[in-house]
Protein backbone atom coordinates (compact mmCIF):
# COMPACT_ATOMS: atom_id res chain seq x y z
CA MET A 1 92.81 119.11 102.10
CA VAL A 2 92.61 122.66 103.30
CA LYS A 3 89.93 121.62 105.67
CA ARG A 4 92.40 119.13 107.28
CA PHE A 5 95.06 121.60 107.44
CA ILE A 6 92.65 124.14 109.13
CA VAL A 7 91.75 121.45 111.79
CA VAL A 8 95.43 120.46 112.35
CA LEU A 9 96.37 124.21 112.69
CA VAL A 10 93.46 124.64 115.35
CA VAL A 11 94.32 121.50 117.38
CA SER A 12 98.29 122.43 117.49
CA SER A 13 97.47 125.82 118.54
CA PHE A 14 95.94 124.31 121.77
CA LEU A 15 98.71 121.97 122.27
CA LEU A 16 101.06 123.83 124.49
CA GLY A 17 103.69 122.01 126.41
CA CYS A 18 102.38 119.26 128.89
CA ALA A 19 104.29 120.95 131.68
CA THR A 20 102.91 124.42 130.67
CA ILE A 21 99.31 123.26 130.67
CA PHE A 22 99.21 121.15 133.74
CA LYS A 23 101.88 122.59 136.18
CA GLY A 24 102.91 126.27 135.05
CA GLY A 25 106.02 128.08 135.74
CA LYS A 26 105.83 128.44 139.46
CA GLN A 27 105.67 126.42 142.57
CA LYS A 28 104.48 127.10 146.27
CA ILE A 29 107.35 126.66 148.73
CA GLY A 30 106.68 126.79 152.37
CA PHE A 31 109.38 128.21 154.64
CA SER A 32 109.58 127.46 158.72
CA SER A 33 112.26 127.78 161.34
CA ASP A 34 112.82 126.60 164.83
CA PRO A 35 112.41 129.04 166.37
CA ASP A 36 109.72 130.77 164.31
CA GLY A 37 110.15 134.41 163.24
CA ALA A 38 113.36 134.06 161.22
CA LYS A 39 113.87 136.39 158.45
CA VAL A 40 114.06 134.64 155.14
CA TYR A 41 116.41 136.21 152.34
CA VAL A 42 115.85 134.45 148.95
CA ASN A 43 118.82 135.34 146.64
CA GLY A 44 119.67 138.16 148.93
CA GLN A 45 116.30 139.71 148.93
CA ASN A 46 114.10 139.55 152.42
CA MET A 47 110.84 137.82 151.62
CA GLY A 48 109.39 137.77 155.04
CA LYS A 49 109.50 135.86 158.50
CA THR A 50 108.58 132.34 159.05
CA PRO A 51 106.35 130.54 158.66
CA PHE A 52 105.01 131.62 155.24
CA GLU A 53 104.70 130.37 151.70
CA LEU A 54 106.04 131.98 148.35
CA GLN A 55 105.50 131.29 144.74
CA LEU A 56 108.90 130.76 143.07
CA LYS A 57 109.61 130.12 139.44
CA VAL A 58 110.74 126.64 138.85
CA ASP A 59 113.44 127.19 136.28
CA LYS A 60 115.75 128.78 138.87
CA SER A 61 117.73 127.81 141.70
CA TYR A 62 117.93 129.69 144.80
CA ASN A 63 120.17 130.40 147.86
CA VAL A 64 117.76 130.67 150.97
CA GLU A 65 119.26 132.39 154.18
CA PHE A 66 117.65 132.38 157.51
CA ARG A 67 118.42 135.22 160.02
CA LYS A 68 117.24 135.67 163.55
CA GLU A 69 118.86 137.86 166.12
CA GLY A 70 120.65 135.88 168.85
CA TYR A 71 121.02 132.75 166.60
CA GLU A 72 123.53 131.81 163.81
CA SER A 73 122.29 132.39 160.36
CA ARG A 74 121.48 129.35 158.11
CA THR A 75 121.79 128.87 154.39
CA VAL A 76 119.98 126.33 152.38
CA ALA A 77 120.28 125.59 148.48
CA LEU A 78 116.97 125.41 146.91
CA THR A 79 117.57 123.56 143.58
CA ASN A 80 115.53 122.33 140.69
CA SER A 81 115.59 119.55 138.20
CA ILE A 82 113.96 118.48 135.05
CA GLY A 83 110.80 116.16 135.38
CA ALA A 84 111.32 113.13 132.95
CA GLY A 85 107.62 112.59 132.76
CA TRP A 86 107.17 115.90 131.22
CA ILE A 87 109.95 115.63 128.59
CA ILE A 88 108.26 112.19 127.68
CA LEU A 89 104.85 113.58 127.21
CA ASP A 90 105.98 116.34 125.23
CA VAL A 91 107.79 113.80 122.99
CA VAL A 92 104.68 111.82 122.50
CA PHE A 93 102.70 114.88 121.37
CA GLY A 94 105.39 116.23 118.99
CA LEU A 95 108.03 118.96 118.49
CA TYR A 96 105.85 121.93 119.49
CA PRO A 97 105.26 120.94 123.08
CA ILE A 98 108.85 120.29 123.44
CA ILE A 99 109.68 123.72 122.15
CA ILE A 100 107.06 125.41 124.43
CA ASP A 101 108.29 123.61 127.63
CA ALA A 102 111.92 124.17 126.86
CA ALA A 103 111.63 127.82 126.09
CA THR A 104 109.51 128.57 129.20
CA GLY A 105 111.48 126.09 131.59
CA ASN A 106 108.30 124.70 132.84
CA TRP A 107 109.43 121.04 132.83
CA TYR A 108 111.63 121.94 135.73
CA SER A 109 110.51 121.48 139.48
CA LEU A 110 111.99 122.71 142.52
CA ASP A 111 113.58 119.93 144.54
CA GLN A 112 111.60 120.74 147.79
CA ASP A 113 108.10 121.96 148.57
CA HIS A 114 109.11 122.97 152.18
CA VAL A 115 112.36 124.55 153.45
CA ASN A 116 112.91 124.45 157.20
CA ALA A 117 115.84 125.66 159.14
CA ALA A 118 116.71 124.72 162.83
CA LEU A 119 118.78 127.74 164.11
CA GLU A 120 121.38 127.39 166.78
CA GLN A 121 121.77 130.17 169.36
CA GLN A 122 124.96 132.13 169.25
CA ASN A 123 127.54 131.45 171.76
CA GLN A 124 127.49 134.30 174.44
CA LYS A 125 130.72 135.49 175.47
């Protein structure tokens, strides 16, 4: 009986949430604009100039603003959603994986892998 308990304890310590094991808590997002060279602000913070890639946490939504001198700025919402497949896998493996993935938010995914903005030139008066 004790031996069985130890085996179950060891095995369960390795059973993290499925999304935590296979996907993690961040996702690579590409940013581009037409024309290139626009400054990208993610939730108000300047992150770089297009084109580039950035790792973002999957359990959050983001406001992405593209700015370039001589062009109208453009704002894009980058949202997330829960992957139903991760929840199903967690349910199959028991309560512990559900708790882990729910607590970490790792069963979320950002809804886009790439954000592109076509910028329009400002009207010259």
